[in-house]
Structures are given as C-alpha cells and as structure tokens.
Amino acid sequence: MNFLPGLQSLENNLDGQLEVVYCNFFKLDPGYHGWSEPPIMDSVELFKKLGISAVPWTADVPVKIFGIVPQGKERNLLWKLIYALYECRSIYHCGRVELNMIMSEKEYKVLTAKPGEQMRRYQALSVLWQTGCEIQLLHMEPRSSFLTNSKTPRLPRPGSQITNDHLCLVRMTPRRNLFTGAMTDATSLTFIMMVKQCLIKQKSKLIDIINTWNLGNGYKVLEQLEIPENILTGHLYPEEYRGIFEVLDRSLEFDRSLLFNDVFKNTRNRSFVF
C-alpha cells in the first residue's frame, strides 16, 4: 500500500476534512469475529467506521464497491461472495451492495453462461450468480493494455472455446426480489447445495438426481413445472432451478438430509471450492 502514507499525510493536513479508512477488501471477514486491524477487517466493523447503516433488502443499493479481483483468486472470491449474498452475511448484511469488479474474461463468461449451447462453461456459479444478481458488462479491455510485472496468465487449452484475452469490468447488482417465496437467508443454503449437486455433471439426467432427494417422486416435481423428464442438468435455466427449489420446499417427500449427504459425499470424492 505505497499510496497510504501520502493519504494519511493529507488527512493530517486537512483539519478533519478527510478521514482515511483502509483495508484489503479481498481479506474481509477472515472467518472469526471482532478483528478490526487493517488491512484485515470484519465487514461489520468496517461499515460502522464508514457510517454505513443496514437497510431493508428491498431498498435501494446502499453501497457501491469498485475493485480489481486478484488473478488466481477469482474463483475462491466468487464462491465466498455468493455464499455471503444468499445468507445476507459479510458486505451484504447491510443490504443489496453493488459490486463493480474487474475480472478475467474467462470468469465473466462463466458467470453469464447459458444452458445448452454453452454447457461446458455453464456451472453452479452461473446459476447462482444469475439468480442472485443482475450482471452487466460495463467494459472489456484487452490484457495488452495493462502493464504488469505479474506472470503471464495461463492460456486456455488447445481447442478450448473459452478465450481469456480481456479483462472485464462487470457490475453485479443483487436482485430486489431474490428473497421471495421459499427463498430466505435461512433456506438459501439448500438452494445453493441443490444447484451444486445438479451441476457436478452437466449431462446428468435431472430426474435421477431429484429422485434421490424426493423419494422417487421426481416426475411430480418436473410435471408441475412442465419440464421434460429427459432433460439434462446442463440444459436447465436459472429460473427453472429456482422453480424446482420452490416446489421441493413445499413437498412433504423432500428430504434435505439426503441432499446434504450427497453433497458431502461428493466433496470427499472431488475437489470442490466452497
């Protein structure tokens, strides 16, 4: 933070007109509460220092955050943020915080991927971010425009359809109507786990997966939503995943413990990022 001494000097010379509050945004909420020593801070303490108060979820955006996502840490950060979003934790404890982030083209395309034709890049993150936020590409800039002494980013494998030649400025605004129907900050973890389990393999038959949680009554769930019984998990739109969650939540046969058991079993067998 080479810029910090200069800012602090300016603060000392402005007779209270400027207050410098700093931290590392990407190290917020390290996993234990009460930490308030920069650059690692608890988001609740940080927002108190900034004078930012919590507002209802349906209110206007209370805070807009701008930043550059560190290369190599994008996926971990996106998972950390999506859990926080759905559980109204961390920066989202005060409402629908808007993120304006510069990220790699590869991760942007994962977040905005569509089912079917883009099945390779259509992942649980795609469904969860598209369900939770309005995602808008504000600008795309070639990597060659940036001077950096970091290592050259890893190029996609030969034959890969995912290019990574640009950095993208992306706005992610939480949806005002996210917490409606069965979706609450208390039930949202079930939705996250459901989506993750369905999209472990994009070519799995959806009905087979639902049958394991709903005691063989998957056809009833799909019938209510007019979804074909032979559909693959990688062909389902985010709003359809939400619809399945809503129907399962009302179903007396739905056993959440079976869903979580499946997730934990696959966690042991695969490398997952939580």
C-alpha atoms as a PDB file:
ATOM      1  CA  MET A   1       0.000   0.000   0.000  1.00  0.00           C
ATOM      2  CA  ASN A   2       2.516   2.590  -1.173  1.00  0.00           C
ATOM      3  CA  PHE A   3      -0.241   5.190  -1.523  1.00  0.00           C
ATOM      4  CA  LEU A   4      -1.298   5.023   2.135  1.00  0.00           C
ATOM      5  CA  PRO A   5       1.363   7.284   3.746  1.00  0.00           C
ATOM      6  CA  GLY A   6       0.530  10.033   1.270  1.00  0.00           C
ATOM      7  CA  LEU A   7      -3.182   9.803   2.053  1.00  0.00           C
ATOM      8  CA  GLN A   8      -2.529   9.796   5.791  1.00  0.00           C
ATOM      9  CA  SER A   9      -0.305  12.853   5.440  1.00  0.00           C
ATOM     10  CA  LEU A  10      -3.088  14.590   3.521  1.00  0.00           C
ATOM     11  CA  GLU A  11      -5.554  13.618   6.260  1.00  0.00           C
ATOM     12  CA  ASN A  12      -3.322  15.221   8.912  1.00  0.00           C
ATOM     13  CA  ASN A  13      -3.155  18.482   6.968  1.00  0.00           C
ATOM     14  CA  LEU A  14      -6.846  18.953   6.212  1.00  0.00           C
ATOM     15  CA  ASP A  15      -8.198  19.721   9.698  1.00  0.00           C
ATOM     16  CA  GLY A  16     -10.735  16.922   9.783  1.00  0.00           C
ATOM     17  CA  GLN A  17     -11.996  17.328   6.225  1.00  0.00           C
ATOM     18  CA  LEU A  18     -10.662  13.919   5.215  1.00  0.00           C
ATOM     19  CA  GLU A  19     -10.739  10.607   7.070  1.00  0.00           C
ATOM     20  CA  VAL A  20      -8.696   7.705   5.725  1.00  0.00           C
ATOM     21  CA  VAL A  21     -10.183   4.264   6.373  1.00  0.00           C
ATOM     22  CA  TYR A  22      -8.419   1.401   4.679  1.00  0.00           C
ATOM     23  CA  CYS A  23      -8.499  -2.381   4.474  1.00  0.00           C
ATOM     24  CA  ASN A  24      -7.985  -5.178   1.972  1.00  0.00           C
ATOM     25  CA  PHE A  25     -11.455  -5.873   0.563  1.00  0.00           C
ATOM     26  CA  PHE A  26     -10.425  -9.351  -0.509  1.00  0.00           C
ATOM     27  CA  LYS A  27      -9.432 -10.215   3.068  1.00  0.00           C
ATOM     28  CA  LEU A  28     -12.648  -9.046   4.713  1.00  0.00           C
ATOM     29  CA  ASP A  29     -14.234 -11.393   7.255  1.00  0.00           C
ATOM     30  CA  PRO A  30     -11.363 -13.831   7.757  1.00  0.00           C
ATOM     31  CA  GLY A  31     -13.605 -16.391   9.488  1.00  0.00           C
ATOM     32  CA  TYR A  32     -13.669 -15.105  13.039  1.00  0.00           C
ATOM     33  CA  HIS A  33     -15.426 -12.097  14.516  1.00  0.00           C
ATOM     34  CA  GLY A  34     -14.156  -8.920  16.087  1.00  0.00           C
ATOM     35  CA  TRP A  35     -10.989  -8.441  14.035  1.00  0.00           C
ATOM     36  CA  SER A  36     -10.627  -4.743  13.270  1.00  0.00           C
ATOM     37  CA  GLU A  37      -6.956  -4.139  12.494  1.00  0.00           C
ATOM     38  CA  PRO A  38      -6.291  -3.128   8.862  1.00  0.00           C
ATOM     39  CA  PRO A  39      -5.685  -4.452   6.308  1.00  0.00           C
ATOM     40  CA  ILE A  40      -7.717  -7.461   7.597  1.00  0.00           C
ATOM     41  CA  MET A  41     -11.089  -6.393   8.940  1.00  0.00           C
ATOM     42  CA  ASP A  42     -14.557  -7.530   9.890  1.00  0.00           C
ATOM     43  CA  SER A  43     -17.073  -6.047   7.461  1.00  0.00           C
ATOM     44  CA  VAL A  44     -19.475  -5.028  10.249  1.00  0.00           C
ATOM     45  CA  GLU A  45     -16.733  -3.006  11.947  1.00  0.00           C
ATOM     46  CA  LEU A  46     -15.616  -1.532   8.623  1.00  0.00           C
ATOM     47  CA  PHE A  47     -19.117  -0.378   7.699  1.00  0.00           C
ATOM     48  CA  LYS A  48     -19.518   1.168  11.163  1.00  0.00           C
ATOM     49  CA  LYS A  49     -16.355   3.190  10.623  1.00  0.00           C
ATOM     50  CA  LEU A  50     -17.669   4.319   7.246  1.00  0.00           C
ATOM     51  CA  GLY A  51     -21.019   5.307   8.741  1.00  0.00           C
ATOM     52  CA  ILE A  52     -22.956   2.857   6.564  1.00  0.00           C
ATOM     53  CA  SER A  53     -26.152   1.535   8.150  1.00  0.00           C
ATOM     54  CA  ALA A  54     -28.140  -1.538   7.193  1.00  0.00           C
ATOM     55  CA  VAL A  55     -31.257  -1.044   5.053  1.00  0.00           C
ATOM     56  CA  PRO A  56     -34.036  -3.467   4.077  1.00  0.00           C
ATOM     57  CA  TRP A  57     -33.173  -5.797   1.182  1.00  0.00           C
ATOM     58  CA  THR A  58     -35.862  -4.233  -0.996  1.00  0.00           C
ATOM     59  CA  ALA A  59     -34.433  -0.720  -0.517  1.00  0.00           C
ATOM     60  CA  ASP A  60     -32.104   0.966  -2.989  1.00  0.00           C
ATOM     61  CA  VAL A  61     -28.443  -0.031  -3.229  1.00  0.00           C
ATOM     62  CA  PRO A  62     -26.737   1.329  -0.067  1.00  0.00           C
ATOM     63  CA  VAL A  63     -23.111   0.916  -1.201  1.00  0.00           C
ATOM     64  CA  LYS A  64     -21.239   0.586  -4.489  1.00  0.00           C
ATOM     65  CA  ILE A  65     -17.873  -1.154  -4.378  1.00  0.00           C
ATOM     66  CA  PHE A  66     -15.221  -0.940  -7.092  1.00  0.00           C
ATOM     67  CA  GLY A  67     -12.199  -3.232  -7.262  1.00  0.00           C
ATOM     68  CA  ILE A  68      -9.882  -5.459  -9.266  1.00  0.00           C
ATOM     69  CA  VAL A  69     -10.129  -9.164  -8.479  1.00  0.00           C
ATOM     70  CA  PRO A  70      -6.643 -10.653  -7.937  1.00  0.00           C
ATOM     71  CA  GLN A  71      -5.717 -13.157 -10.644  1.00  0.00           C
ATOM     72  CA  GLY A  72      -5.594 -16.688  -9.346  1.00  0.00           C
ATOM     73  CA  LYS A  73      -8.102 -15.927  -6.578  1.00  0.00           C
ATOM     74  CA  GLU A  74     -11.150 -15.144  -8.679  1.00  0.00           C
ATOM     75  CA  ARG A  75     -12.982 -18.434  -8.271  1.00  0.00           C
ATOM     76  CA  ASN A  76     -12.491 -18.576  -4.489  1.00  0.00           C
ATOM     77  CA  LEU A  77     -13.683 -14.990  -4.133  1.00  0.00           C
ATOM     78  CA  LEU A  78     -16.771 -15.557  -6.295  1.00  0.00           C
ATOM     79  CA  TRP A  79     -17.762 -18.543  -4.155  1.00  0.00           C
ATOM     80  CA  LYS A  80     -17.154 -16.616  -0.931  1.00  0.00           C
ATOM     81  CA  LEU A  81     -19.292 -13.727  -2.179  1.00  0.00           C
ATOM     82  CA  ILE A  82     -22.151 -15.903  -3.430  1.00  0.00           C
ATOM     83  CA  TYR A  83     -22.488 -17.637  -0.060  1.00  0.00           C
ATOM     84  CA  ALA A  84     -22.425 -14.241   1.666  1.00  0.00           C
ATOM     85  CA  LEU A  85     -25.037 -12.879  -0.752  1.00  0.00           C
ATOM     86  CA  TYR A  86     -27.560 -15.679  -0.253  1.00  0.00           C
ATOM     87  CA  GLU A  87     -27.088 -15.700   3.535  1.00  0.00           C
ATOM     88  CA  CYS A  88     -27.032 -11.866   3.875  1.00  0.00           C
ATOM     89  CA  ARG A  89     -23.635 -12.010   5.539  1.00  0.00           C
ATOM     90  CA  SER A  90     -20.410 -10.018   5.243  1.00  0.00           C
ATOM     91  CA  ILE A  91     -20.833  -6.973   2.973  1.00  0.00           C
ATOM     92  CA  TYR A  92     -24.457  -7.973   2.291  1.00  0.00           C
ATOM     93  CA  HIS A  93     -25.502  -7.633   5.929  1.00  0.00           C
ATOM     94  CA  CYS A  94     -26.416  -4.017   5.172  1.00  0.00           C
ATOM     95  CA  GLY A  95     -28.455  -4.691   2.010  1.00  0.00           C
ATOM     96  CA  ARG A  96     -28.050  -5.044  -1.748  1.00  0.00           C
ATOM     97  CA  VAL A  97     -24.414  -3.994  -2.101  1.00  0.00           C
ATOM     98  CA  GLU A  98     -23.455  -3.411  -5.739  1.00  0.00           C
ATOM     99  CA  LEU A  99     -20.112  -4.792  -6.939  1.00  0.00           C
ATOM    100  CA  ASN A 100     -18.224  -3.285  -9.870  1.00  0.00           C
ATOM    101  CA  MET A 101     -15.287  -5.619 -10.406  1.00  0.00           C
ATOM    102  CA  ILE A 102     -12.563  -6.028 -12.991  1.00  0.00           C
ATOM    103  CA  MET A 103     -12.179  -9.755 -13.603  1.00  0.00           C
ATOM    104  CA  SER A 104     -10.877 -12.092 -16.260  1.00  0.00           C
ATOM    105  CA  GLU A 105     -12.878 -12.724 -19.411  1.00  0.00           C
ATOM    106  CA  LYS A 106     -12.915 -16.417 -18.525  1.00  0.00           C
ATOM    107  CA  GLU A 107     -14.708 -15.900 -15.194  1.00  0.00           C
ATOM    108  CA  TYR A 108     -17.097 -13.335 -16.680  1.00  0.00           C
ATOM    109  CA  LYS A 109     -18.134 -15.871 -19.295  1.00  0.00           C
ATOM    110  CA  VAL A 110     -18.701 -18.487 -16.610  1.00  0.00           C
ATOM    111  CA  LEU A 111     -20.942 -16.100 -14.657  1.00  0.00           C
ATOM    112  CA  THR A 112     -23.040 -15.274 -17.734  1.00  0.00           C
ATOM    113  CA  ALA A 113     -23.025 -18.679 -19.454  1.00  0.00           C
ATOM    114  CA  LYS A 114     -26.313 -20.027 -20.790  1.00  0.00           C
ATOM    115  CA  PRO A 115     -27.511 -23.638 -20.684  1.00  0.00           C
ATOM    116  CA  GLY A 116     -27.383 -25.911 -23.694  1.00  0.00           C
ATOM    117  CA  GLU A 117     -25.001 -24.428 -26.242  1.00  0.00           C
ATOM    118  CA  GLN A 118     -22.607 -23.106 -23.565  1.00  0.00           C
ATOM    119  CA  MET A 119     -22.876 -26.221 -21.406  1.00  0.00           C
ATOM    120  CA  ARG A 120     -19.112 -26.560 -20.914  1.00  0.00           C
ATOM    121  CA  ARG A 121     -18.858 -23.276 -19.063  1.00  0.00           C
ATOM    122  CA  TYR A 122     -22.369 -23.436 -17.552  1.00  0.00           C
ATOM    123  CA  GLN A 123     -21.701 -24.201 -13.903  1.00  0.00           C
ATOM    124  CA  ALA A 124     -23.238 -23.847 -10.457  1.00  0.00           C
ATOM    125  CA  LEU A 125     -21.676 -20.372 -10.220  1.00  0.00           C
ATOM    126  CA  SER A 126     -23.508 -19.392 -13.418  1.00  0.00           C
ATOM    127  CA  VAL A 127     -26.902 -20.346 -11.980  1.00  0.00           C
ATOM    128  CA  LEU A 128     -26.285 -18.877  -8.539  1.00  0.00           C
ATOM    129  CA  TRP A 129     -24.968 -15.501  -9.742  1.00  0.00           C
ATOM    130  CA  GLN A 130     -27.620 -15.124 -12.440  1.00  0.00           C
ATOM    131  CA  THR A 131     -30.366 -15.995  -9.944  1.00  0.00           C
ATOM    132  CA  GLY A 132     -28.986 -13.657  -7.295  1.00  0.00           C
ATOM    133  CA  CYS A 133     -27.828 -10.668  -9.353  1.00  0.00           C
ATOM    134  CA  GLU A 134     -28.315  -8.621 -12.458  1.00  0.00           C
ATOM    135  CA  ILE A 135     -24.975  -8.927 -14.266  1.00  0.00           C
ATOM    136  CA  GLN A 136     -23.910  -6.183 -16.665  1.00  0.00           C
ATOM    137  CA  LEU A 137     -20.709  -5.930 -18.699  1.00  0.00           C
ATOM    138  CA  LEU A 138     -19.614  -2.292 -18.492  1.00  0.00           C
ATOM    139  CA  HIS A 139     -16.359  -2.551 -20.421  1.00  0.00           C
ATOM    140  CA  MET A 140     -13.980  -5.103 -21.924  1.00  0.00           C
ATOM    141  CA  GLU A 141     -10.301  -4.214 -22.349  1.00  0.00           C
ATOM    142  CA  PRO A 142      -7.507  -6.283 -23.971  1.00  0.00           C
ATOM    143  CA  ARG A 143      -4.928  -7.542 -21.492  1.00  0.00           C
ATOM    144  CA  SER A 144      -2.251  -5.965 -23.693  1.00  0.00           C
ATOM    145  CA  SER A 145      -3.458  -2.534 -22.483  1.00  0.00           C
ATOM    146  CA  PHE A 146      -2.186  -3.243 -18.975  1.00  0.00           C
ATOM    147  CA  LEU A 147       1.402  -3.034 -17.808  1.00  0.00           C
ATOM    148  CA  THR A 148       2.098  -5.659 -15.178  1.00  0.00           C
ATOM    149  CA  ASN A 149       5.070  -7.478 -13.747  1.00  0.00           C
ATOM    150  CA  SER A 150       2.953 -10.493 -12.797  1.00  0.00           C
ATOM    151  CA  LYS A 151       3.275 -13.799 -14.560  1.00  0.00           C
ATOM    152  CA  THR A 152       1.548 -14.196 -17.908  1.00  0.00           C
ATOM    153  CA  PRO A 153      -1.950 -15.625 -17.316  1.00  0.00           C
ATOM    154  CA  ARG A 154      -2.372 -19.261 -18.180  1.00  0.00           C
ATOM    155  CA  LEU A 155      -3.722 -19.651 -21.696  1.00  0.00           C
ATOM    156  CA  PRO A 156      -6.718 -21.879 -22.392  1.00  0.00           C
ATOM    157  CA  ARG A 157      -6.056 -25.451 -23.503  1.00  0.00           C
ATOM    158  CA  PRO A 158      -5.797 -26.019 -27.286  1.00  0.00           C
ATOM    159  CA  GLY A 159      -9.300 -26.414 -28.685  1.00  0.00           C
ATOM    160  CA  SER A 160     -10.913 -24.660 -25.707  1.00  0.00           C
ATOM    161  CA  GLN A 161     -13.873 -22.453 -26.579  1.00  0.00           C
ATOM    162  CA  ILE A 162     -13.216 -20.111 -23.650  1.00  0.00           C
ATOM    163  CA  THR A 163     -10.975 -17.157 -24.518  1.00  0.00           C
ATOM    164  CA  ASN A 164      -9.216 -15.180 -21.824  1.00  0.00           C
ATOM    165  CA  ASP A 165      -7.663 -12.284 -23.746  1.00  0.00           C
ATOM    166  CA  HIS A 166      -9.512  -9.460 -21.985  1.00  0.00           C
ATOM    167  CA  LEU A 167     -10.229  -8.025 -18.581  1.00  0.00           C
ATOM    168  CA  CYS A 168     -13.877  -7.177 -17.974  1.00  0.00           C
ATOM    169  CA  LEU A 169     -15.461  -4.506 -15.797  1.00  0.00           C
ATOM    170  CA  VAL A 170     -18.601  -6.194 -14.526  1.00  0.00           C
ATOM    171  CA  ARG A 171     -21.457  -4.772 -12.450  1.00  0.00           C
ATOM    172  CA  MET A 172     -23.273  -7.238 -10.175  1.00  0.00           C
ATOM    173  CA  THR A 173     -26.392  -5.827  -8.520  1.00  0.00           C
ATOM    174  CA  PRO A 174     -28.346  -8.127  -6.161  1.00  0.00           C
ATOM    175  CA  ARG A 175     -31.917  -8.668  -7.272  1.00  0.00           C
ATOM    176  CA  ARG A 176     -34.540  -6.863  -5.223  1.00  0.00           C
ATOM    177  CA  ASN A 177     -36.875  -9.884  -5.436  1.00  0.00           C
ATOM    178  CA  LEU A 178     -34.272 -12.525  -4.516  1.00  0.00           C
ATOM    179  CA  PHE A 179     -35.786 -13.263  -1.117  1.00  0.00           C
ATOM    180  CA  THR A 180     -39.344 -14.030  -2.114  1.00  0.00           C
ATOM    181  CA  GLY A 181     -41.358 -17.243  -1.984  1.00  0.00           C
ATOM    182  CA  ALA A 182     -39.440 -20.050  -0.286  1.00  0.00           C
ATOM    183  CA  MET A 183     -36.084 -18.286  -0.628  1.00  0.00           C
ATOM    184  CA  THR A 184     -34.850 -16.716   2.599  1.00  0.00           C
ATOM    185  CA  ASP A 185     -31.409 -16.214   4.080  1.00  0.00           C
ATOM    186  CA  ALA A 186     -32.186 -19.287   6.222  1.00  0.00           C
ATOM    187  CA  THR A 187     -33.263 -21.612   3.375  1.00  0.00           C
ATOM    188  CA  SER A 188     -30.881 -20.368   0.691  1.00  0.00           C
ATOM    189  CA  LEU A 189     -28.132 -22.839   1.622  1.00  0.00           C
ATOM    190  CA  THR A 190     -30.453 -25.642   0.459  1.00  0.00           C
ATOM    191  CA  PHE A 191     -30.783 -23.903  -2.918  1.00  0.00           C
ATOM    192  CA  ILE A 192     -27.003 -23.499  -3.220  1.00  0.00           C
ATOM    193  CA  MET A 193     -26.385 -27.161  -2.400  1.00  0.00           C
ATOM    194  CA  MET A 194     -29.134 -28.283  -4.781  1.00  0.00           C
ATOM    195  CA  VAL A 195     -27.633 -26.343  -7.688  1.00  0.00           C
ATOM    196  CA  LYS A 196     -24.100 -27.530  -6.929  1.00  0.00           C
ATOM    197  CA  GLN A 197     -25.197 -31.150  -6.774  1.00  0.00           C
ATOM    198  CA  CYS A 198     -27.152 -30.921 -10.040  1.00  0.00           C
ATOM    199  CA  LEU A 199     -24.264 -29.348 -11.968  1.00  0.00           C
ATOM    200  CA  ILE A 200     -21.432 -31.625 -10.875  1.00  0.00           C
ATOM    201  CA  LYS A 201     -22.010 -33.141 -14.311  1.00  0.00           C
ATOM    202  CA  GLN A 202     -23.910 -31.055 -16.853  1.00  0.00           C
ATOM    203  CA  LYS A 203     -25.005 -34.166 -18.761  1.00  0.00           C
ATOM    204  CA  SER A 204     -26.709 -35.878 -15.811  1.00  0.00           C
ATOM    205  CA  LYS A 205     -30.440 -36.568 -16.043  1.00  0.00           C
ATOM    206  CA  LEU A 206     -32.202 -34.149 -13.735  1.00  0.00           C
ATOM    207  CA  ILE A 207     -34.976 -36.550 -12.767  1.00  0.00           C
ATOM    208  CA  ASP A 208     -32.480 -39.124 -11.467  1.00  0.00           C
ATOM    209  CA  ILE A 209     -30.946 -36.565  -9.122  1.00  0.00           C
ATOM    210  CA  ILE A 210     -34.285 -35.257  -7.829  1.00  0.00           C
ATOM    211  CA  ASN A 211     -35.483 -38.825  -7.245  1.00  0.00           C
ATOM    212  CA  THR A 212     -32.688 -39.377  -4.713  1.00  0.00           C
ATOM    213  CA  TRP A 213     -33.939 -36.463  -2.574  1.00  0.00           C
ATOM    214  CA  ASN A 214     -37.672 -36.748  -3.169  1.00  0.00           C
ATOM    215  CA  LEU A 215     -38.239 -40.468  -2.632  1.00  0.00           C
ATOM    216  CA  GLY A 216     -38.696 -41.343  -6.291  1.00  0.00           C
ATOM    217  CA  ASN A 217     -41.212 -38.586  -6.979  1.00  0.00           C
ATOM    218  CA  GLY A 218     -39.055 -36.505  -9.282  1.00  0.00           C
ATOM    219  CA  TYR A 219     -41.591 -36.810 -12.089  1.00  0.00           C
ATOM    220  CA  LYS A 220     -44.145 -34.940  -9.943  1.00  0.00           C
ATOM    221  CA  VAL A 221     -41.752 -32.031  -9.466  1.00  0.00           C
ATOM    222  CA  LEU A 222     -40.963 -31.760 -13.181  1.00  0.00           C
ATOM    223  CA  GLU A 223     -44.601 -32.186 -14.129  1.00  0.00           C
ATOM    224  CA  GLN A 224     -45.635 -29.188 -12.009  1.00  0.00           C
ATOM    225  CA  LEU A 225     -43.068 -27.034 -13.800  1.00  0.00           C
ATOM    226  CA  GLU A 226     -43.751 -28.510 -17.266  1.00  0.00           C
ATOM    227  CA  ILE A 227     -40.113 -29.603 -17.568  1.00  0.00           C
ATOM    228  CA  PRO A 228     -39.433 -32.676 -19.776  1.00  0.00           C
ATOM    229  CA  GLU A 229     -38.489 -35.791 -17.803  1.00  0.00           C
ATOM    230  CA  ASN A 230     -35.452 -36.464 -20.019  1.00  0.00           C
ATOM    231  CA  ILE A 231     -33.853 -33.028 -19.558  1.00  0.00           C
ATOM    232  CA  LEU A 232     -30.177 -32.824 -18.628  1.00  0.00           C
ATOM    233  CA  THR A 233     -28.963 -30.639 -15.769  1.00  0.00           C
ATOM    234  CA  GLY A 234     -26.876 -28.531 -18.148  1.00  0.00           C
ATOM    235  CA  HIS A 235     -29.993 -27.614 -20.162  1.00  0.00           C
ATOM    236  CA  LEU A 236     -31.940 -26.033 -17.309  1.00  0.00           C
ATOM    237  CA  TYR A 237     -32.191 -22.235 -16.962  1.00  0.00           C
ATOM    238  CA  PRO A 238     -31.519 -20.488 -13.615  1.00  0.00           C
ATOM    239  CA  GLU A 239     -35.202 -19.594 -13.180  1.00  0.00           C
ATOM    240  CA  GLU A 240     -36.078 -23.264 -13.653  1.00  0.00           C
ATOM    241  CA  TYR A 241     -33.651 -24.268 -10.917  1.00  0.00           C
ATOM    242  CA  ARG A 242     -35.334 -21.758  -8.662  1.00  0.00           C
ATOM    243  CA  GLY A 243     -38.706 -23.194  -9.600  1.00  0.00           C
ATOM    244  CA  ILE A 244     -37.539 -26.688  -8.643  1.00  0.00           C
ATOM    245  CA  PHE A 245     -36.338 -25.344  -5.292  1.00  0.00           C
ATOM    246  CA  GLU A 246     -39.744 -23.752  -4.652  1.00  0.00           C
ATOM    247  CA  VAL A 247     -41.606 -26.984  -5.481  1.00  0.00           C
ATOM    248  CA  LEU A 248     -39.260 -29.141  -3.391  1.00  0.00           C
ATOM    249  CA  ASP A 249     -39.641 -26.796  -0.442  1.00  0.00           C
ATOM    250  CA  ARG A 250     -43.400 -27.446  -0.468  1.00  0.00           C
ATOM    251  CA  SER A 251     -43.021 -31.201  -0.944  1.00  0.00           C
ATOM    252  CA  LEU A 252     -43.595 -33.449   2.061  1.00  0.00           C
ATOM    253  CA  GLU A 253     -41.396 -36.106   0.444  1.00  0.00           C
ATOM    254  CA  PHE A 254     -38.356 -33.814   0.113  1.00  0.00           C
ATOM    255  CA  ASP A 255     -35.602 -34.950   2.484  1.00  0.00           C
ATOM    256  CA  ARG A 256     -32.992 -32.211   2.894  1.00  0.00           C
ATOM    257  CA  SER A 257     -30.672 -34.553   4.757  1.00  0.00           C
ATOM    258  CA  LEU A 258     -30.340 -36.704   1.616  1.00  0.00           C
ATOM    259  CA  LEU A 259     -29.363 -33.635  -0.400  1.00  0.00           C
ATOM    260  CA  PHE A 260     -26.685 -32.602   2.076  1.00  0.00           C
ATOM    261  CA  ASN A 261     -25.442 -36.186   2.388  1.00  0.00           C
ATOM    262  CA  ASP A 262     -24.955 -36.294  -1.389  1.00  0.00           C
ATOM    263  CA  VAL A 263     -23.031 -33.013  -1.326  1.00  0.00           C
ATOM    264  CA  PHE A 264     -20.720 -34.121   1.467  1.00  0.00           C
ATOM    265  CA  LYS A 265     -20.152 -37.479  -0.212  1.00  0.00           C
ATOM    266  CA  ASN A 266     -19.097 -35.783  -3.446  1.00  0.00           C
ATOM    267  CA  THR A 267     -16.953 -33.320  -1.512  1.00  0.00           C
ATOM    268  CA  ARG A 268     -14.884 -36.233  -0.240  1.00  0.00           C
ATOM    269  CA  ASN A 269     -14.529 -37.675  -3.730  1.00  0.00           C
ATOM    270  CA  ARG A 270     -13.872 -34.451  -5.652  1.00  0.00           C
ATOM    271  CA  SER A 271     -12.044 -31.181  -5.273  1.00  0.00           C
ATOM    272  CA  PHE A 272     -14.651 -28.519  -4.501  1.00  0.00           C
ATOM    273  CA  VAL A 273     -14.267 -24.842  -3.803  1.00  0.00           C
ATOM    274  CA  PHE A 274     -16.577 -23.604  -1.067  1.00  0.00           C
END
